[in-house]
Amino acid sequence: MFKITLLIAGIITALSPVLNSLWLMMVHAVIYGISTGFTLSVTSVILFDLVGLKSLTEALGMVSLFSGLGSVLGPPFAGLLYDTTGSYTAPFLASGASMSFAAILMFLLPVCRKH
């Protein structure tokens, strides 16, 4: 479920530039809120399943580190994309693509763990 909601969040973010009515934006906000809320709320459970109790604190620290890096580097990168293209479409597509890519990597994780 985590992977699916992360993929939904990525797709809905990438679709943001084409939303041209209030109703579509409200539907977007609800879908985005539910999907990101779910992913954020189960992150520690997923990490526990992946690394176990002994390494959970380190894994949560790594998640916080990379989440913080995204929070620090994401807005300037989005601004650079806007300045380069003159449109907000590219930043939304980049953000949606990165979330979708993360979800795809999560789908591939069980295959990689077998090898």
Protein backbone atom coordinates (compact mmCIF):
# COMPACT_ATOMS: atom_id res chain seq x y z
CA MET A 1 0.00 0.00 0.00
CA PHE A 2 2.91 2.34 0.78
CA LYS A 3 4.30 1.99 -2.73
CA ILE A 4 0.93 2.57 -4.35
CA THR A 5 0.18 5.70 -2.35
CA LEU A 6 3.67 7.08 -3.05
CA LEU A 7 3.14 6.46 -6.76
CA ILE A 8 -0.29 8.13 -6.59
CA ALA A 9 1.28 11.15 -4.88
CA GLY A 10 3.90 11.37 -7.62
CA ILE A 11 1.40 11.10 -10.44
CA ILE A 12 -1.01 13.59 -8.90
CA THR A 13 1.86 16.04 -8.35
CA ALA A 14 2.95 15.73 -11.97
CA LEU A 15 -0.64 16.38 -13.07
CA SER A 16 -0.90 19.58 -11.02
CA PRO A 17 -0.15 21.99 -13.91
CA VAL A 18 -3.12 20.77 -15.97
CA LEU A 19 -5.71 21.30 -13.24
CA ASN A 20 -7.75 24.21 -14.52
CA SER A 21 -10.78 24.34 -12.26
CA LEU A 22 -11.46 24.69 -8.58
CA TRP A 23 -13.11 21.26 -8.41
CA LEU A 24 -10.13 19.53 -9.98
CA MET A 25 -7.81 21.30 -7.56
CA MET A 26 -9.98 20.24 -4.62
CA VAL A 27 -9.97 16.62 -5.79
CA HIS A 28 -6.20 16.90 -6.24
CA ALA A 29 -5.78 18.25 -2.71
CA VAL A 30 -7.81 15.41 -1.20
CA ILE A 31 -5.98 12.69 -3.15
CA TYR A 32 -2.58 14.23 -2.46
CA GLY A 33 -3.38 14.70 1.23
CA ILE A 34 -4.56 11.13 1.71
CA SER A 35 -1.68 9.58 -0.21
CA THR A 36 1.09 11.61 1.42
CA GLY A 37 -0.55 11.31 4.83
CA PHE A 38 -0.56 7.55 4.50
CA THR A 39 3.05 7.35 3.35
CA LEU A 40 4.24 9.60 6.15
CA SER A 41 2.28 7.77 8.81
CA VAL A 42 3.58 4.30 7.94
CA THR A 43 7.21 5.20 7.20
CA SER A 44 8.45 3.98 10.59
CA VAL A 45 6.52 0.72 10.24
CA ILE A 46 8.01 0.11 6.79
CA LEU A 47 11.49 0.89 8.11
CA PHE A 48 10.99 -1.53 10.99
CA ASP A 49 10.07 -4.27 8.50
CA LEU A 50 13.10 -3.46 6.35
CA VAL A 51 15.85 -3.04 8.95
CA GLY A 52 14.50 -4.42 12.23
CA LEU A 53 14.38 -2.87 15.68
CA LYS A 54 18.13 -2.79 16.18
CA SER A 55 18.76 -0.46 13.21
CA LEU A 56 15.49 1.47 13.33
CA THR A 57 16.92 4.63 14.88
CA GLU A 58 19.69 4.81 12.28
CA ALA A 59 17.20 4.25 9.46
CA LEU A 60 14.89 6.96 10.80
CA GLY A 61 17.90 9.27 10.97
CA MET A 62 18.75 8.55 7.34
CA VAL A 63 15.15 9.16 6.29
CA SER A 64 15.20 12.47 8.17
CA LEU A 65 18.53 13.42 6.61
CA PHE A 66 17.40 12.83 3.04
CA SER A 67 13.99 14.35 3.69
CA GLY A 68 15.73 17.43 5.03
CA LEU A 69 18.04 17.57 2.03
CA GLY A 70 15.00 17.45 -0.24
CA SER A 71 13.38 20.24 1.75
CA VAL A 72 16.51 22.38 1.50
CA LEU A 73 17.45 21.67 -2.12
CA GLY A 74 13.98 21.22 -3.65
CA PRO A 75 12.74 24.83 -3.57
CA PRO A 76 15.91 26.35 -5.11
CA PHE A 77 15.86 23.64 -7.79
CA ALA A 78 12.18 24.36 -8.49
CA GLY A 79 13.02 28.06 -8.69
CA LEU A 80 15.84 27.34 -11.13
CA LEU A 81 13.48 25.29 -13.29
CA TYR A 82 10.93 28.11 -13.22
CA ASP A 83 13.56 30.73 -14.08
CA THR A 84 14.83 28.55 -16.93
CA THR A 85 11.45 27.64 -18.41
CA GLY A 86 9.25 30.55 -17.32
CA SER A 87 6.60 28.05 -16.26
CA TYR A 88 5.69 26.12 -13.13
CA THR A 89 5.07 22.98 -15.18
CA ALA A 90 8.69 21.77 -15.05
CA PRO A 91 9.01 21.98 -11.24
CA PHE A 92 5.77 20.05 -10.75
CA LEU A 93 6.86 17.44 -13.30
CA ALA A 94 10.27 17.09 -11.63
CA SER A 95 8.72 16.71 -8.20
CA GLY A 96 6.16 14.19 -9.41
CA ALA A 97 8.82 12.27 -11.31
CA SER A 98 11.06 12.00 -8.25
CA MET A 99 8.22 10.66 -6.10
CA SER A 100 7.15 8.24 -8.83
CA PHE A 101 10.75 7.08 -9.28
CA ALA A 102 11.00 6.41 -5.54
CA ALA A 103 7.80 4.36 -5.71
CA ILE A 104 9.12 2.36 -8.66
CA LEU A 105 12.32 1.65 -6.71
CA MET A 106 10.17 0.42 -3.83
CA PHE A 107 8.32 -1.91 -6.21
CA LEU A 108 11.70 -3.30 -7.35
CA LEU A 109 13.03 -3.77 -3.80
CA PRO A 110 11.65 -7.31 -3.30
CA VAL A 111 13.24 -8.42 -6.57
CA CYS A 112 16.61 -6.93 -5.59
CA ARG A 113 16.52 -8.47 -2.12
CA LYS A 114 16.17 -11.97 -3.64
CA HIS A 115 19.49 -11.61 -5.48
